[in-house]
Structures are given as structure tokens and as C-alpha cells.
Protein backbone atom coordinates (compact mmCIF):
# COMPACT_ATOMS: atom_id res chain seq x y z
CA MET A 1 0.00 0.00 0.00
CA ARG A 2 1.32 3.42 -0.89
CA LYS A 3 2.28 5.68 1.95
CA GLY A 4 -0.58 7.96 2.89
CA PHE A 5 -3.54 5.71 1.99
CA ARG A 6 -5.93 6.47 4.81
CA ARG A 7 -9.25 4.84 4.35
CA ASP A 8 -11.48 2.24 2.76
CA LYS A 9 -12.24 4.56 -0.14
CA LEU A 10 -10.35 5.81 -3.14
CA ARG A 11 -8.23 8.83 -2.45
CA GLU A 12 -8.89 12.04 -4.32
CA GLU A 13 -6.63 13.30 -7.05
CA CYS A 14 -5.67 16.92 -7.91
CA GLY A 15 -7.55 19.86 -9.39
CA VAL A 16 -6.19 22.66 -11.60
CA PHE A 17 -7.50 26.03 -12.73
CA GLY A 18 -6.04 28.82 -14.88
CA ILE A 19 -7.16 32.20 -16.22
CA PHE A 20 -5.81 34.68 -18.79
CA ASP A 21 -7.54 37.95 -17.99
CA LYS A 22 -8.55 40.63 -20.52
CA ASP A 23 -11.38 42.22 -18.52
CA GLY A 24 -9.79 43.54 -15.34
CA HIS A 25 -10.72 40.56 -13.15
CA ASP A 26 -8.88 39.86 -9.90
CA VAL A 27 -7.26 36.63 -11.14
CA ALA A 28 -6.13 35.48 -7.67
CA ARG A 29 -9.64 35.85 -6.29
CA MET A 30 -11.17 34.12 -9.32
CA SER A 31 -8.69 31.27 -8.77
CA TYR A 32 -9.63 31.14 -5.10
CA TYR A 33 -13.34 30.71 -5.94
CA ALA A 34 -12.55 28.10 -8.59
CA LEU A 35 -10.36 26.12 -6.19
CA TYR A 36 -13.25 26.09 -3.73
CA ALA A 37 -15.31 24.36 -6.42
CA LEU A 38 -12.46 21.88 -7.01
CA GLN A 39 -11.70 21.25 -3.33
CA HIS A 40 -13.12 17.71 -3.59
CA ARG A 41 -10.19 16.80 -5.87
CA GLY A 42 -7.53 17.49 -3.27
CA GLN A 43 -7.45 18.58 0.35
CA GLU A 44 -3.81 18.33 1.40
CA SER A 45 -2.47 21.54 -0.10
CA ALA A 46 -3.47 24.50 -2.27
CA GLY A 47 -1.63 27.15 -4.24
CA ILE A 48 -2.01 30.07 -6.65
CA ALA A 49 0.65 31.58 -8.95
CA VAL A 50 0.09 34.86 -10.84
CA ASN A 51 2.04 36.54 -13.62
CA ASP A 52 2.75 40.19 -12.81
CA ASN A 53 4.28 41.64 -16.01
CA GLY A 54 6.59 38.65 -16.45
CA THR A 55 7.32 38.11 -12.76
CA ILE A 56 5.58 35.13 -11.17
CA LEU A 57 4.28 35.65 -7.63
CA TYR A 58 2.90 32.66 -5.79
CA HIS A 59 1.65 31.34 -2.50
CA LYS A 60 1.08 27.71 -1.55
CA ASP A 61 0.82 25.77 1.68
CA MET A 62 -0.65 22.72 3.36
CA GLY A 63 -4.37 22.71 4.11
CA LEU A 64 -7.74 23.49 2.59
CA VAL A 65 -8.25 26.51 0.33
CA PRO A 66 -9.65 28.83 3.07
CA GLU A 67 -6.85 27.76 5.40
CA VAL A 68 -4.10 28.58 2.90
CA PHE A 69 -5.42 31.95 1.67
CA ASN A 70 -6.69 35.12 3.33
CA GLU A 71 -7.36 38.70 2.25
CA VAL A 72 -3.76 39.83 2.77
CA ILE A 73 -2.34 37.02 0.63
CA LEU A 74 -4.93 37.40 -2.14
CA ASN A 75 -4.39 41.17 -2.29
CA HIS A 76 -0.66 40.55 -2.77
CA LEU A 77 -1.18 38.22 -5.75
CA LYS A 78 -1.78 40.76 -8.49
CA GLY A 79 -1.41 40.01 -12.20
CA ARG A 80 -3.22 39.18 -15.42
CA ILE A 81 -2.54 35.44 -15.71
CA ALA A 82 -2.88 32.82 -12.99
CA ILE A 83 -2.74 29.09 -12.45
CA SER A 84 -3.85 27.31 -9.28
CA HIS A 85 -3.92 23.86 -7.76
CA VAL A 86 -5.44 21.70 -5.03
CA ARG A 87 -3.45 18.59 -4.28
CA TYR A 88 -3.79 15.07 -3.08
CA SER A 89 -0.42 13.29 -3.10
CA THR A 90 -0.44 10.14 -5.23
CA THR A 91 3.34 10.51 -5.57
CA GLY A 92 5.66 12.46 -3.34
CA ALA A 93 5.34 13.06 0.37
CA ASN A 94 2.55 15.16 1.81
CA SER A 95 4.75 18.21 2.48
CA ARG A 96 4.98 21.86 1.51
CA GLU A 97 7.79 21.38 -1.02
CA ASN A 98 5.46 19.12 -3.00
CA ALA A 99 2.61 21.64 -2.97
CA GLN A 100 1.83 23.27 -6.32
CA PRO A 101 2.08 25.32 -8.47
CA MET A 102 5.79 24.62 -8.84
CA VAL A 103 7.91 27.59 -9.96
CA ILE A 104 11.39 27.53 -11.54
CA LYS A 105 13.62 29.85 -13.58
CA TYR A 106 14.38 29.03 -17.20
CA ARG A 107 15.98 30.73 -20.21
CA ASN A 108 13.10 33.19 -20.78
CA GLY A 109 12.32 34.01 -17.15
CA GLN A 110 10.10 31.92 -14.91
CA LEU A 111 7.85 28.92 -15.41
CA ALA A 112 5.06 27.75 -13.13
CA LEU A 113 3.29 24.41 -13.43
CA ALA A 114 0.16 22.79 -11.95
CA HIS A 115 -0.31 19.09 -12.67
CA ASN A 116 -3.10 16.56 -12.20
CA GLY A 117 -2.10 12.96 -12.89
CA ASN A 118 0.75 10.51 -12.52
CA LEU A 119 3.67 9.41 -14.68
CA VAL A 120 4.56 5.72 -14.89
CA ASN A 121 8.15 6.41 -16.01
CA ALA A 122 8.93 9.33 -13.69
CA SER A 123 11.63 7.41 -11.78
CA ASN A 124 13.60 6.58 -14.92
CA LEU A 125 13.36 10.14 -16.22
CA ARG A 126 14.37 11.52 -12.85
CA GLU A 127 17.44 9.29 -12.69
CA LYS A 128 18.56 10.41 -16.14
CA LEU A 129 18.14 14.08 -15.24
CA GLU A 130 20.04 13.59 -11.97
CA GLU A 131 22.86 11.85 -13.84
CA ASP A 132 23.08 15.00 -15.97
CA GLY A 133 23.57 17.06 -12.81
CA LEU A 134 20.04 18.30 -12.15
CA ILE A 135 19.11 18.69 -8.47
CA PHE A 136 15.46 18.18 -7.57
CA GLN A 137 13.75 20.22 -4.87
CA SER A 138 10.74 17.91 -4.39
CA THR A 139 9.81 14.23 -4.59
CA ASN A 140 6.88 14.38 -7.01
CA ASP A 141 6.82 13.67 -10.73
CA SER A 142 5.48 17.12 -11.61
CA GLU A 143 8.99 18.52 -11.18
CA VAL A 144 10.22 16.01 -13.76
CA ILE A 145 7.76 17.46 -16.30
CA LEU A 146 8.72 21.03 -15.46
CA ASN A 147 12.45 20.37 -15.79
CA LEU A 148 12.04 18.54 -19.09
CA ILE A 149 10.18 21.55 -20.51
CA SER A 150 12.86 23.89 -19.16
CA ARG A 151 15.67 21.77 -20.61
CA TYR A 152 14.08 21.44 -24.05
CA SER A 153 13.47 25.20 -24.09
CA LEU A 154 17.24 25.61 -24.47
CA ILE A 155 17.12 23.99 -27.91
CA CYS A 156 13.61 24.92 -29.05
CA GLY A 157 12.41 28.21 -30.46
CA LYS A 158 9.02 28.16 -28.71
CA VAL A 159 7.87 26.74 -25.41
CA GLU A 160 5.19 24.75 -27.28
CA GLU A 161 7.97 22.90 -29.12
CA ALA A 162 9.62 22.08 -25.79
CA ILE A 163 6.28 20.78 -24.54
CA GLN A 164 5.92 18.51 -27.58
CA LYS A 165 9.35 17.01 -26.89
CA MET A 166 8.42 16.52 -23.23
CA MET A 167 5.24 14.70 -24.28
CA GLN A 168 7.33 12.29 -26.34
CA ASP A 169 9.36 11.39 -23.25
CA VAL A 170 6.74 11.00 -20.53
CA ARG A 171 4.21 8.20 -20.14
CA GLY A 172 1.21 8.32 -17.90
CA SER A 173 -1.69 10.63 -17.16
CA TYR A 174 -1.57 14.40 -17.01
CA SER A 175 -3.63 17.52 -17.30
CA ILE A 176 -1.13 20.36 -16.98
CA LEU A 177 -1.38 24.11 -16.72
CA LEU A 178 1.80 26.03 -17.54
CA LEU A 179 2.36 29.71 -16.76
CA THR A 180 5.07 31.44 -18.80
CA PRO A 181 6.04 35.15 -18.77
CA ASP A 182 3.33 35.85 -21.39
CA LYS A 183 1.17 32.75 -21.88
CA LEU A 184 -1.23 30.35 -20.19
CA ILE A 185 -0.86 26.85 -21.64
CA GLY A 186 -3.04 23.78 -21.07
CA ILE A 187 -1.80 20.26 -21.89
CA ARG A 188 -3.73 16.97 -21.83
CA ASP A 189 -2.11 13.55 -22.09
CA PRO A 190 -2.47 11.66 -25.40
CA LEU A 191 -5.02 9.23 -23.97
CA GLY A 192 -7.04 11.91 -22.17
CA ILE A 193 -6.93 9.97 -18.90
CA ARG A 194 -7.31 13.14 -16.83
CA PRO A 195 -9.95 15.77 -17.71
CA LEU A 196 -9.39 19.40 -18.72
CA CYS A 197 -11.82 21.92 -20.21
CA ILE A 198 -11.88 25.44 -21.66
CA GLY A 199 -14.20 28.24 -20.60
CA LEU A 200 -14.80 31.91 -21.41
CA LEU A 201 -15.46 34.66 -18.89
CA GLY A 202 -16.26 37.79 -20.86
CA ASN A 203 -13.17 38.11 -23.07
CA SER A 204 -11.00 36.07 -20.68
CA TYR A 205 -10.21 32.40 -21.27
CA VAL A 206 -10.07 29.90 -18.42
CA LEU A 207 -8.92 26.28 -18.10
CA ALA A 208 -10.11 23.86 -15.41
CA SER A 209 -10.17 20.20 -14.40
CA GLU A 210 -13.97 20.23 -14.25
CA SER A 211 -16.77 22.40 -15.61
CA CYS A 212 -18.06 22.99 -12.05
CA ALA A 213 -15.12 25.40 -11.56
CA LEU A 214 -16.34 27.42 -14.56
CA ASP A 215 -19.83 27.59 -13.06
CA ALA A 216 -18.39 28.86 -9.77
CA ILE A 217 -16.97 32.00 -11.42
CA GLY A 218 -19.70 32.51 -14.02
CA ALA A 219 -17.65 31.35 -17.00
CA LYS A 220 -19.20 29.73 -20.08
CA PHE A 221 -18.10 26.23 -21.01
CA ILE A 222 -16.54 26.18 -24.49
CA ARG A 223 -15.21 22.65 -24.95
CA ASP A 224 -12.98 19.94 -23.50
CA VAL A 225 -9.28 19.96 -24.28
CA LYS A 226 -8.68 17.06 -26.66
CA PRO A 227 -6.38 14.16 -25.75
CA GLY A 228 -2.84 15.08 -26.79
CA GLU A 229 -3.75 18.75 -27.32
CA ILE A 230 -1.66 21.77 -26.32
CA VAL A 231 -3.83 24.88 -25.87
CA THR A 232 -2.04 28.25 -25.78
CA ILE A 233 -3.75 31.40 -24.53
CA SER A 234 -1.95 34.70 -25.07
CA GLU A 235 -2.61 38.34 -25.83
CA GLU A 236 -3.35 37.31 -29.42
CA GLY A 237 -6.08 34.89 -28.35
CA ILE A 238 -6.29 31.11 -28.20
CA SER A 239 -4.49 28.58 -30.41
CA SER A 240 -3.96 24.85 -30.40
CA ILE A 241 -1.52 22.11 -31.39
CA GLU A 242 -2.84 18.55 -31.65
CA MET A 243 -0.58 15.53 -31.42
CA ASP A 244 -1.12 12.68 -33.89
CA ILE A 245 -3.02 10.20 -31.70
CA LYS A 246 -3.75 6.72 -33.07
CA GLU A 247 -5.25 5.09 -29.96
CA GLU A 248 -8.76 5.60 -28.61
CA SER A 249 -8.95 7.99 -25.67
CA ARG A 250 -9.11 6.54 -22.15
CA LEU A 251 -10.73 8.94 -19.69
CA CYS A 252 -10.58 7.48 -16.17
CA ILE A 253 -14.00 5.91 -15.55
CA PHE A 254 -13.68 6.72 -11.84
CA GLU A 255 -14.21 10.38 -12.71
CA PHE A 256 -17.85 9.41 -13.23
CA ILE A 257 -18.04 6.92 -10.38
CA TYR A 258 -16.45 9.02 -7.66
CA PHE A 259 -13.95 11.81 -8.38
CA ALA A 260 -15.85 14.50 -10.24
CA ARG A 261 -18.55 16.67 -8.75
CA PRO A 262 -22.08 15.61 -9.81
CA ASP A 263 -22.72 18.98 -11.49
CA SER A 264 -19.72 18.63 -13.83
CA PHE A 265 -19.70 17.55 -17.46
CA LEU A 266 -16.71 15.55 -18.73
CA ASP A 267 -16.03 14.85 -22.40
CA GLY A 268 -19.68 15.36 -23.30
CA ALA A 269 -21.32 13.42 -20.46
CA SER A 270 -23.06 14.55 -17.28
CA VAL A 271 -21.53 13.12 -14.10
CA TYR A 272 -24.91 13.30 -12.34
CA GLN A 273 -26.71 11.45 -15.13
CA ALA A 274 -23.97 8.81 -15.25
CA ARG A 275 -24.37 8.10 -11.53
CA LEU A 276 -28.15 8.07 -11.83
CA GLU A 277 -27.87 5.60 -14.71
CA ALA A 278 -25.43 3.47 -12.71
CA GLY A 279 -28.00 3.15 -9.94
CA ARG A 280 -30.74 2.35 -12.42
CA ARG A 281 -28.69 -0.39 -14.08
CA LEU A 282 -27.67 -1.72 -10.68
CA ALA A 283 -31.35 -2.17 -9.78
CA ILE A 284 -31.92 -4.11 -13.02
CA GLU A 285 -28.85 -6.31 -12.54
CA HIS A 286 -29.29 -6.91 -8.79
CA PRO A 287 -32.90 -6.51 -7.66
CA VAL A 288 -33.93 -7.24 -4.08
CA GLU A 289 -37.06 -6.98 -1.94
CA ALA A 290 -36.56 -4.13 0.52
CA ASP A 291 -38.32 -1.24 2.24
CA LEU A 292 -35.83 1.61 1.79
CA VAL A 293 -32.88 2.60 -0.44
CA ILE A 294 -30.15 4.72 1.14
CA GLY A 295 -26.85 6.05 -0.20
CA ALA A 296 -23.48 6.21 1.49
CA PRO A 297 -22.78 9.96 1.70
CA ASP A 298 -21.88 11.58 -0.53
CA SER A 299 -20.65 9.48 -3.43
CA GLY A 300 -23.42 6.85 -3.25
CA ILE A 301 -26.40 9.18 -3.02
CA THR A 302 -27.05 9.86 -6.72
CA ALA A 303 -26.74 6.16 -7.61
CA ALA A 304 -29.10 5.36 -4.73
CA ILE A 305 -31.69 7.72 -6.20
CA GLY A 306 -31.32 5.95 -9.55
CA TYR A 307 -31.74 2.55 -7.88
CA SER A 308 -34.89 3.80 -6.14
CA MET A 309 -36.36 5.23 -9.34
CA GLU A 310 -35.85 1.97 -11.25
CA SER A 311 -36.83 -0.44 -8.47
CA GLY A 312 -39.76 1.51 -7.03
CA ILE A 313 -38.34 1.12 -3.53
CA PRO A 314 -38.56 4.47 -1.67
CA TYR A 315 -35.37 6.46 -1.27
CA GLY A 316 -34.53 7.85 2.15
CA GLN A 317 -31.73 9.18 4.31
CA GLY A 318 -30.34 6.55 6.63
CA LEU A 319 -26.87 7.97 7.25
CA LEU A 320 -26.17 11.53 8.30
CA LYS A 321 -22.81 13.01 7.31
CA ASN A 322 -21.05 15.59 9.44
CA ARG A 323 -20.65 18.44 6.93
CA TYR A 324 -17.71 19.92 8.80
CA ILE A 325 -15.44 16.95 8.17
CA GLY A 326 -13.66 16.66 4.84
CA ARG A 327 -12.69 13.53 2.95
CA THR A 328 -9.20 13.50 4.49
CA PHE A 329 -10.34 13.59 8.12
CA ILE A 330 -9.94 9.89 8.86
CA GLN A 331 -6.45 9.16 10.14
CA PRO A 332 -4.07 6.32 9.21
CA ASP A 333 -4.10 4.13 12.34
CA GLN A 334 -6.95 1.74 13.05
CA GLU A 335 -8.22 3.32 16.28
CA GLN A 336 -8.39 6.82 14.79
CA ARG A 337 -9.96 5.47 11.61
CA GLU A 338 -12.77 3.79 13.54
CA MET A 339 -13.38 6.91 15.60
CA GLY A 340 -13.36 8.95 12.41
CA VAL A 341 -16.14 6.87 10.87
CA LYS A 342 -18.29 7.31 13.97
CA ILE A 343 -17.82 11.08 13.94
CA LYS A 344 -18.19 11.43 10.17
CA LEU A 345 -21.30 9.26 9.69
CA ASN A 346 -24.20 8.77 12.08
CA VAL A 347 -27.10 6.36 11.63
CA MET A 348 -30.60 7.85 11.61
CA LYS A 349 -32.25 5.20 13.77
CA ASN A 350 -35.85 6.36 13.34
CA ALA A 351 -35.53 6.14 9.56
CA ILE A 352 -34.12 2.62 9.34
CA GLU A 353 -35.29 0.72 12.42
CA GLY A 354 -37.12 -2.51 11.53
CA LYS A 355 -36.63 -2.00 7.78
CA ARG A 356 -34.98 -3.99 5.03
CA LEU A 357 -32.36 -1.67 3.59
CA VAL A 358 -30.52 -1.39 0.28
CA ILE A 359 -27.39 0.70 0.75
CA ILE A 360 -25.57 1.98 -2.33
CA ASP A 361 -21.90 2.96 -2.44
CA ASP A 362 -19.53 3.71 -5.31
CA SER A 363 -16.90 1.07 -4.46
CA ILE A 364 -15.51 -1.35 -1.91
CA VAL A 365 -11.74 -1.18 -1.52
CA ARG A 366 -10.55 -2.97 1.61
CA GLY A 367 -14.02 -3.58 3.02
CA THR A 368 -13.30 -2.39 6.55
CA THR A 369 -15.28 0.85 6.46
CA THR A 370 -18.18 -0.86 4.66
CA LYS A 371 -18.21 -3.51 7.37
CA ARG A 372 -18.41 -0.87 10.11
CA ILE A 373 -21.25 0.98 8.38
CA ILE A 374 -23.30 -2.17 7.90
CA LYS A 375 -22.75 -3.15 11.54
CA ALA A 376 -23.86 0.32 12.65
CA LEU A 377 -27.05 0.03 10.57
CA LYS A 378 -27.88 -3.36 12.05
CA ASP A 379 -27.05 -2.22 15.58
CA ALA A 380 -29.52 0.64 15.03
CA GLY A 381 -32.29 -1.84 14.22
CA ALA A 382 -32.15 -2.49 10.48
CA LYS A 383 -33.82 -5.82 9.78
CA GLU A 384 -31.72 -6.57 6.67
CA VAL A 385 -28.91 -4.72 4.91
CA HIS A 386 -28.35 -5.44 1.21
CA MET A 387 -25.15 -3.92 -0.21
CA ARG A 388 -25.11 -2.68 -3.79
CA VAL A 389 -22.03 -1.18 -5.45
CA SER A 390 -22.24 1.14 -8.48
CA SER A 391 -18.98 -0.20 -9.96
CA PRO A 392 -17.48 -3.66 -10.58
CA PRO A 393 -15.19 -5.41 -8.08
CA MET A 394 -11.91 -3.51 -7.85
CA LYS A 395 -9.05 -5.97 -8.31
CA TYR A 396 -6.03 -4.07 -9.67
CA PRO A 397 -3.97 -1.03 -8.63
CA CYS A 398 -4.00 2.24 -10.56
CA TYR A 399 -0.81 3.84 -11.92
CA PHE A 400 -2.39 7.01 -13.28
CA GLY A 401 -3.11 9.17 -10.25
CA VAL A 402 -5.55 7.15 -8.17
CA ASP A 403 -4.04 5.90 -4.93
CA ILE A 404 -5.52 2.40 -4.90
CA PRO A 405 -3.68 -0.11 -2.69
CA SER A 406 -1.80 -3.08 -4.14
CA GLY A 407 -3.81 -6.08 -5.29
CA LYS A 408 -3.20 -7.93 -2.03
CA GLN A 409 -5.03 -5.20 -0.12
CA LEU A 410 -7.99 -4.99 -2.49
CA VAL A 411 -10.55 -7.28 -0.93
CA ALA A 412 -12.15 -8.22 -4.28
CA SER A 413 -8.73 -9.29 -5.58
CA ILE A 414 -8.25 -11.93 -2.92
CA SER A 415 -11.85 -12.89 -2.13
CA SER A 416 -14.93 -14.07 -4.00
CA ILE A 417 -18.08 -11.96 -3.96
CA GLU A 418 -19.58 -14.32 -1.40
CA GLU A 419 -16.49 -14.04 0.78
CA VAL A 420 -16.67 -10.23 0.56
CA ARG A 421 -20.35 -10.39 1.54
CA GLN A 422 -19.51 -12.43 4.60
CA LEU A 423 -16.64 -10.11 5.51
CA ILE A 424 -18.76 -6.95 5.41
CA GLY A 425 -21.77 -8.61 7.07
CA ALA A 426 -24.33 -7.81 4.35
CA ASP A 427 -27.38 -9.95 3.72
CA SER A 428 -26.62 -9.80 0.00
CA LEU A 429 -24.03 -8.11 -2.21
CA GLY A 430 -24.20 -7.02 -5.84
CA TYR A 431 -21.76 -5.12 -8.03
CA LEU A 432 -22.56 -3.28 -11.24
CA SER A 433 -21.15 -5.15 -14.24
CA LEU A 434 -18.35 -3.60 -16.29
CA GLU A 435 -20.61 -3.72 -19.36
CA GLY A 436 -23.27 -1.80 -17.47
CA LEU A 437 -20.79 0.71 -16.04
CA LEU A 438 -19.33 1.62 -19.43
CA LYS A 439 -22.83 2.51 -20.67
CA THR A 440 -23.50 4.99 -17.86
CA PRO A 441 -21.73 8.11 -19.21
CA VAL A 442 -24.47 8.76 -21.78
CA GLY A 443 -23.25 10.97 -24.63
CA ALA A 444 -19.56 10.65 -23.75
CA LYS A 445 -17.22 11.43 -26.65
CA CYS A 446 -14.37 9.27 -25.41
CA GLY A 447 -13.24 5.80 -24.42
CA PHE A 448 -12.46 4.83 -20.84
CA CYS A 449 -9.69 3.41 -18.72
CA SER A 450 -11.14 0.67 -16.51
CA ALA A 451 -7.87 -1.08 -15.64
CA CYS A 452 -8.61 -1.14 -11.90
CA PHE A 453 -11.41 -3.60 -12.74
CA THR A 454 -9.82 -5.57 -15.59
CA GLY A 455 -6.05 -5.29 -15.19
CA GLU A 456 -5.84 -4.25 -18.86
CA TYR A 457 -3.88 -1.00 -18.77
CA PRO A 458 -3.80 1.48 -21.67
CA MET A 459 0.01 1.49 -21.60
CA GLU A 460 2.88 -0.47 -20.10
CA VAL A 461 2.97 -0.06 -16.33
CA PRO A 462 5.54 -1.03 -13.68
CA GLY A 463 3.52 -3.90 -12.19
CA GLU A 464 4.76 -7.44 -12.68
CA GLY A 465 2.85 -9.47 -15.21
CA SER A 466 0.52 -6.61 -16.07
CA LYS A 467 -1.50 -6.71 -19.27
CA TYR A 468 -1.94 -3.58 -21.33
CA LEU A 469 -3.99 -2.34 -24.24
CA CYS A 470 -2.29 0.17 -26.52
CA GLY A 471 -1.69 -0.05 -30.21
CA GLY A 472 -3.28 -3.49 -30.26
CA LYS A 473 -1.12 -5.01 -27.50
CA ARG A 474 -2.70 -7.07 -24.82
């Protein structure tokens, strides 16, 4: 298990936002509001970098957005271009030096970078750069990307050419925002594993991980950045370079299951509608006689509504979530984790006592938290508890920015469905099929990475004996 995995749920990934202002907006404050909307994607650190006539000013620190920034700091961050970041550490220690945006000096001044994703060959690239004498200031793979761009800038005429050379070297997932002395640049990996979209606020262009960040500042959604596309925003307007991509795109399917906010749209599909459809299909695939459908807050609620709508079983609230506790509250050791679950979720006894329940959640990872929730429901008087999961059994680790434990710690990897049912104490257990899951993002204009369910990765990964699908290989 990777250092820092804290709970029986998937860990969040990162969120990025950028703006090139032409209307006199306070870009730091706009970034602050957008990061609030993206807070669900990362709660360990936050940062904003602004371009003030070629000089990059920045502030970043550990904590939630309102903990990192205040009026004094925001008033200091003046400029016309900004990039910002909320972080969850899939690679690199949870420390201030790994907070983003990262800022370095290069041949034309300064560069700042905000990155969502994970490289599978970062270690090899890092070793080569260190052999050439480069000294790294952090332990995350984002600095590898930044230094490759800086190095290639020495031999390239434009920063976009340096970016293209970097993209030929790195493998993995990335949505990147780059701040140069005069440009805002957005970059999406060739398979489109991580999302990135373009918006317009008056005459000012913005880039964001999710469309919900555009809504937060009143920007109009324009389109998604294409897989392998480099989008440059400058004083002259917006332009684009598209890499020659032969493979089908592979947006991470867990964006729809868990990561993204329900009000976001990703590559043409509504996250809310996808989760509603997942619940509906789950009811068709795994029906059960029950009195009440409840969702595990917050990620299981929309799917629970879909299950209720399809099955005709009433939907209700059986678990109350403490709204003042974030996703990262639960601590690493067992005693603190158990106490965290009790504080974070409370059973509404009057609503569930004597009833046959269907509880919907997005996934089961280790099974320990699910077991505690089911026990709490039964202790509060639930007659039966039927567990339904709006994704297939998770059996394989992720190498693209999702901190899923190794296969040995994924309960579905080492246990049958019946064994998992017995472990968690449910009266029955049903998972959504992979076929059903892949049909849930209605209207999506992309393919999906579902390797955590199948073990078939869209590129070569470090794991022993791993299969992969790319260019026909399997």
C-alpha cells in the first residue's frame, strides 16, 4: 500500500484552474473561488501563482483553500494570468515542497506548473536528469515534467515545441497548466486519462479540471481539451496544437463513479446522469425486496436515487454526514480510523429501524469501512442490509493518479463476492457489471480506462505481469 492511503475509499486526485484575464478581473480571487469548487479533488495543499508583467508571484501551503489563503495574501497576488492547484499526493510526500504550483527559472524568465495525474516512467526520467547534474527540490513527478520543458526550451524556439518534446518522453496521465512570462498553456495527455476543459469569462479564457469550476466563477463552457492537445492562450487569443493520436482515448472511468462533482460535465457526459444511470442499471442487474434505499454519503447518493427510481423502492436518508469533516479527516491508524467513521457518519435510527435496507456505495476497496457501516445500521435496528455497489469489483492497482492499494489489499482481488459479503456482514451483495458501467456516461465522446477492474492497462505499467492495451497489444 502506498504511503498515505488512509481509508477504505479511493483517495482524491488533484484539481487545476487557470485564467488569462482581458477584462480587469482579480485573477487570484477568481482562482480562489474556482479552487473552492475543485476542493473535492484534493485537500492536502493548495496554491495560486500569478504573472505580474513577467514576474511570477505565488503562494502555496498545506491545508484546505480557506486555510491557505486570506485577504492579505490574495491582495498581494496581483497580475493578469494565474494558475492554481489543489493537491492530493499520489506521488511524493505530503509536504509543503510538493505543494503546487511549482515555480522555476528558465531561459526566458520563470515557469510555473500545476499538474493533475501521474507518470509511470517518472523514476527513470528523474534518474537520467540527476545523472546530468540536475538537483530536484521535491519528490513528485510534476517537477520532472517542469524540468524537461525547461531543458528542451534551451534547444527549441518556442515553449510549445519544448512541450511537444516533453510529451514524447513522458508516459502516464496528465492535465497540466503552464504559466510562462506571457502565456497560459493547457496540456492533456495523449489518452485523455485526466480531464481538462476550456471556458470563457467575458473576453478572458479559463482552463479547469472540471466544468463545475467554470460555473463557480460565471464562465461559459466552451469545450474539453482534446487528448494530446496543447492549448495556448496569449494576448493574441487562443491557439492549439494537436498531437497525432492513433489510440482511442481513455478517460478514467472513476471520474464518473467518484472523483468529479455531480454537477460537472466531462467529455460530453453529465456526471450526475452517469451516476443516476449506474443506480438504475444496478437495480436491473441486482434486484432485491426491501423497504428503503439509502446512499453512502456523498458518493453513493445519486446512484441510490437511480436505484430507487428503477426499483420503485422508496429512497430515504439513513446515514447523516457531518458536513464539517472533509474527505481527508480519517487518520491512518486503526483506532483513529474507527473513531473517524463514527464522527463522520451517524445512523438515523428512526428512519431505518425494523426496515430492510438497500445501501448503495460507489466502491468497496478494503471492506473495513463498509463492514463498520453495515454493523452500525444493524445495531440501530435495520432488519436486513443489502449492499449494492455502483462499480465492478476492484481488483487491480492504478498507476495514473488514483491511490488504490496493491492487489493484495484490495478485498475483491483476494476474495470471491460471497467471501466479501460475509466479511462486510451484508445480507446480500451485488456489483454493477463492467458492461453496465461503461454505458452509464451517456453521450460521452471518449473511451475509458477501466484497468482497476480488468487489469488491462492502456500502456505499459511497472507492475509485474501486467496486461496492457495500446496499439493493439494485450
